[in-house]
């Protein structure tokens, strides 16, 4: 498979990128983002662009790809709805629209989150915005999927860019086996999430909104 990853410097994206690089059936990985990953690998190629919503310059690069994993995101804390919408709706929908034009049969997995509001009318701003993005992706691509992970424990040296998240993950790491047993549908790891997304790219899924055991 030829795979594209958006947002490979974030925690989820780091995990997805790692799993793509170690998968035998992934022949090439193109990373598109605002900052380089700093990784070196024979399969890996990176394109750094200043605005992820403006993808005309990478149109040819996305032609004929087999899968696109969209992991770019931002916390809604401290952001107004317009700013959050720019990153969490405009950016992923721009990528999905381009894939629909140049690689319409590709699998596109958009990572949203547990609690996303597909009605687009709820009171929680981030859930509304991500619900709109999910609905747009599912409407644009026949092989479009929305992944809704809950708590994600970083593994294999994956690190969150957010300091408070890093502290939280350090505290919960010893408790993770217990959390996993108590809440199997709400707890996963970065490597399990990456493998689940690859599994969907390989064989599809009867459900287009993926959560719980779909991502384990």
Protein backbone atom coordinates (compact mmCIF):
# COMPACT_ATOMS: atom_id res chain seq x y z
CA UNK A 1 0.00 0.00 0.00
CA UNK A 2 0.97 3.60 -0.62
CA UNK A 3 -0.05 5.55 2.48
CA UNK A 4 -0.36 9.25 3.30
CA UNK A 5 -0.33 10.51 6.90
CA UNK A 6 -1.40 14.01 7.92
CA UNK A 7 -0.35 15.19 11.37
CA UNK A 8 2.46 12.72 11.99
CA UNK A 9 4.11 14.87 14.67
CA UNK A 10 1.13 14.63 17.04
CA UNK A 11 0.72 11.76 19.48
CA UNK A 12 -1.77 9.79 17.40
CA UNK A 13 0.09 10.55 14.18
CA UNK A 14 3.39 9.36 15.64
CA UNK A 15 1.81 6.04 16.54
CA UNK A 16 0.14 5.64 13.15
CA UNK A 17 3.36 6.52 11.33
CA UNK A 18 5.32 3.95 13.32
CA UNK A 19 2.86 1.18 12.50
CA UNK A 20 2.92 2.12 8.81
CA UNK A 21 6.70 1.98 8.71
CA UNK A 22 6.87 -1.48 10.32
CA UNK A 23 4.03 -2.97 8.24
CA UNK A 24 5.36 -5.29 5.53
CA UNK A 25 2.59 -4.46 3.08
CA UNK A 26 3.12 -0.69 3.27
CA UNK A 27 5.61 0.16 0.55
CA UNK A 28 5.75 3.94 0.98
CA UNK A 29 4.60 6.55 3.48
CA UNK A 30 4.17 10.19 2.56
CA UNK A 31 3.86 12.56 5.52
CA UNK A 32 2.25 15.95 4.94
CA UNK A 33 2.32 18.52 7.72
CA UNK A 34 3.49 21.87 8.97
CA UNK A 35 6.63 20.61 10.72
CA UNK A 36 9.02 17.75 9.90
CA UNK A 37 8.92 14.57 11.97
CA UNK A 38 12.69 14.29 12.28
CA UNK A 39 12.48 10.59 11.40
CA UNK A 40 14.55 8.74 8.82
CA UNK A 41 13.31 5.57 7.09
CA UNK A 42 13.64 4.09 3.59
CA UNK A 43 9.84 4.09 3.16
CA UNK A 44 9.35 7.62 4.44
CA UNK A 45 9.08 10.86 2.48
CA UNK A 46 7.91 14.17 3.90
CA UNK A 47 6.40 17.33 2.47
CA UNK A 48 6.22 20.35 4.73
CA UNK A 49 3.64 22.98 3.84
CA UNK A 50 2.73 26.19 5.71
CA UNK A 51 -1.05 25.80 5.38
CA UNK A 52 -2.55 22.31 5.49
CA UNK A 53 -5.78 23.71 4.12
CA UNK A 54 -4.06 24.65 0.85
CA UNK A 55 -3.18 21.38 -0.87
CA UNK A 56 -2.97 22.35 -4.54
CA UNK A 57 0.81 21.94 -4.42
CA UNK A 58 0.58 18.28 -3.36
CA UNK A 59 -2.25 17.26 -5.70
CA UNK A 60 -0.07 15.05 -7.89
CA UNK A 61 1.52 13.44 -4.80
CA UNK A 62 -1.87 12.16 -3.64
CA UNK A 63 -2.86 10.65 -6.96
CA UNK A 64 -3.19 6.88 -6.81
CA UNK A 65 -2.55 6.44 -3.09
CA UNK A 66 -4.24 3.54 -1.30
CA UNK A 67 -4.90 5.05 2.12
CA UNK A 68 -4.84 8.38 3.92
CA UNK A 69 -4.75 8.60 7.71
CA UNK A 70 -5.76 12.06 8.88
CA UNK A 71 -4.40 12.52 12.41
CA UNK A 72 -3.87 16.28 12.52
CA UNK A 73 -5.75 17.94 15.34
CA UNK A 74 -5.66 20.55 18.07
CA UNK A 75 -7.10 20.93 21.55
CA UNK A 76 -10.18 23.15 21.73
CA UNK A 77 -9.05 24.66 25.03
CA UNK A 78 -8.77 28.43 24.69
CA UNK A 79 -9.91 28.48 21.05
CA UNK A 80 -13.01 30.13 19.65
CA UNK A 81 -15.22 28.15 17.30
CA UNK A 82 -13.94 29.84 14.13
CA UNK A 83 -10.30 29.04 14.91
CA UNK A 84 -11.07 25.49 15.98
CA UNK A 85 -13.19 24.96 12.86
CA UNK A 86 -10.29 26.01 10.64
CA UNK A 87 -8.10 23.18 11.94
CA UNK A 88 -10.67 20.53 12.78
CA UNK A 89 -13.09 20.95 9.87
CA UNK A 90 -11.60 22.98 7.02
CA UNK A 91 -8.26 21.15 6.97
CA UNK A 92 -9.52 17.54 6.99
CA UNK A 93 -12.36 18.28 4.58
CA UNK A 94 -9.89 19.91 2.16
CA UNK A 95 -7.81 16.71 2.25
CA UNK A 96 -10.88 14.50 1.78
CA UNK A 97 -12.08 16.58 -1.17
CA UNK A 98 -8.72 16.30 -2.87
CA UNK A 99 -8.57 12.53 -2.29
CA UNK A 100 -12.09 12.24 -3.72
CA UNK A 101 -10.81 13.86 -6.92
CA UNK A 102 -7.44 12.18 -7.40
CA UNK A 103 -7.77 8.87 -5.48
CA UNK A 104 -11.52 8.25 -5.11
CA UNK A 105 -11.09 4.59 -4.13
CA UNK A 106 -8.59 5.31 -1.37
CA UNK A 107 -9.40 4.59 2.27
CA UNK A 108 -9.56 7.81 4.28
CA UNK A 109 -9.60 7.52 8.07
CA UNK A 110 -10.31 10.76 9.93
CA UNK A 111 -9.41 10.65 13.63
CA UNK A 112 -12.00 12.55 15.67
CA UNK A 113 -12.73 11.39 19.21
CA UNK A 114 -15.06 9.74 21.66
CA UNK A 115 -18.11 11.96 22.19
CA UNK A 116 -18.15 13.47 18.71
CA UNK A 117 -21.60 14.83 17.85
CA UNK A 118 -22.75 13.61 14.44
CA UNK A 119 -26.00 15.60 14.78
CA UNK A 120 -23.88 18.81 14.59
CA UNK A 121 -26.35 20.50 16.95
CA UNK A 122 -25.08 19.74 20.45
CA UNK A 123 -23.86 22.22 23.03
CA UNK A 124 -20.23 21.07 23.05
CA UNK A 125 -18.35 23.07 20.44
CA UNK A 126 -15.54 20.64 19.63
CA UNK A 127 -17.96 17.72 19.33
CA UNK A 128 -20.17 19.67 16.93
CA UNK A 129 -17.27 20.71 14.72
CA UNK A 130 -15.79 17.23 14.55
CA UNK A 131 -19.24 15.83 13.84
CA UNK A 132 -19.47 18.12 10.82
CA UNK A 133 -16.05 16.95 9.67
CA UNK A 134 -16.99 13.29 10.08
CA UNK A 135 -20.19 13.74 8.11
CA UNK A 136 -18.33 15.55 5.33
CA UNK A 137 -15.66 12.84 5.05
CA UNK A 138 -18.25 10.05 4.98
CA UNK A 139 -20.18 11.89 2.29
CA UNK A 140 -17.16 12.60 0.10
CA UNK A 141 -15.51 9.19 -0.01
CA UNK A 142 -17.09 5.73 -0.33
CA UNK A 143 -14.21 4.35 1.72
CA UNK A 144 -14.20 7.19 4.23
CA UNK A 145 -14.21 6.35 7.95
CA UNK A 146 -14.28 8.25 11.22
CA UNK A 147 -12.23 6.90 14.14
CA UNK A 148 -13.44 7.81 17.62
CA UNK A 149 -10.84 6.65 20.12
CA UNK A 150 -11.29 7.36 23.82
CA UNK A 151 -8.30 7.38 26.15
CA UNK A 152 -5.09 6.65 24.24
CA UNK A 153 -1.95 5.54 26.07
CA UNK A 154 1.25 6.38 24.13
CA UNK A 155 3.60 3.47 23.49
CA UNK A 156 6.97 2.86 21.76
CA UNK A 157 8.41 6.25 22.79
CA UNK A 158 5.49 8.19 21.32
CA UNK A 159 5.21 11.53 23.13
CA UNK A 160 2.39 14.09 23.28
CA UNK A 161 3.37 17.64 22.35
CA UNK A 162 1.14 18.98 25.15
CA UNK A 163 2.88 19.22 28.53
CA UNK A 164 -0.24 18.57 30.63
CA UNK A 165 -1.06 15.51 28.54
CA UNK A 166 2.46 14.18 29.03
CA UNK A 167 2.10 14.51 32.80
CA UNK A 168 -1.28 12.79 32.71
CA UNK A 169 0.01 9.89 30.65
CA UNK A 170 2.97 9.46 33.01
CA UNK A 171 0.58 9.19 35.96
CA UNK A 172 -1.81 6.76 34.26
CA UNK A 173 0.83 4.48 32.73
CA UNK A 174 1.02 2.14 35.77
CA UNK A 175 -2.79 2.01 35.86
CA UNK A 176 -3.24 1.28 32.17
CA UNK A 177 -3.73 -2.53 32.48
CA UNK A 178 -6.49 -1.93 35.04
CA UNK A 179 -8.15 0.76 32.92
CA UNK A 180 -7.96 -1.52 29.92
CA UNK A 181 -9.79 -4.29 31.78
CA UNK A 182 -12.40 -1.97 33.27
CA UNK A 183 -13.08 0.07 30.12
CA UNK A 184 -12.14 -2.10 27.12
CA UNK A 185 -14.27 -0.02 24.74
CA UNK A 186 -12.82 3.32 25.81
CA UNK A 187 -9.11 2.65 26.27
CA UNK A 188 -6.48 1.87 23.64
CA UNK A 189 -2.84 2.58 22.78
CA UNK A 190 -1.14 4.41 19.94
CA UNK A 191 0.16 1.17 18.43
CA UNK A 192 -3.21 -0.59 18.63
CA UNK A 193 -4.90 2.43 17.06
CA UNK A 194 -2.38 2.51 14.23
CA UNK A 195 -2.82 -1.20 13.53
CA UNK A 196 -6.59 -0.86 13.58
CA UNK A 197 -6.45 1.94 11.00
CA UNK A 198 -4.22 -0.18 8.78
CA UNK A 199 -6.62 -3.08 9.17
CA UNK A 200 -9.46 -0.89 7.91
CA UNK A 201 -7.31 0.16 4.93
CA UNK A 202 -6.64 -3.50 4.10
CA UNK A 203 -10.10 -4.99 4.46
CA UNK A 204 -12.62 -2.22 5.13
CA UNK A 205 -15.19 -2.29 7.93
CA UNK A 206 -18.95 -2.81 8.09
CA UNK A 207 -19.11 0.28 10.31
CA UNK A 208 -17.94 3.62 9.00
CA UNK A 209 -17.78 5.23 12.45
CA UNK A 210 -15.14 3.28 14.36
CA UNK A 211 -14.91 3.18 18.13
CA UNK A 212 -14.32 0.84 21.04
CA UNK A 213 -13.26 -2.62 19.94
CA UNK A 214 -13.06 -1.47 16.29
CA UNK A 215 -9.90 0.38 17.34
CA UNK A 216 -8.42 -2.25 19.65
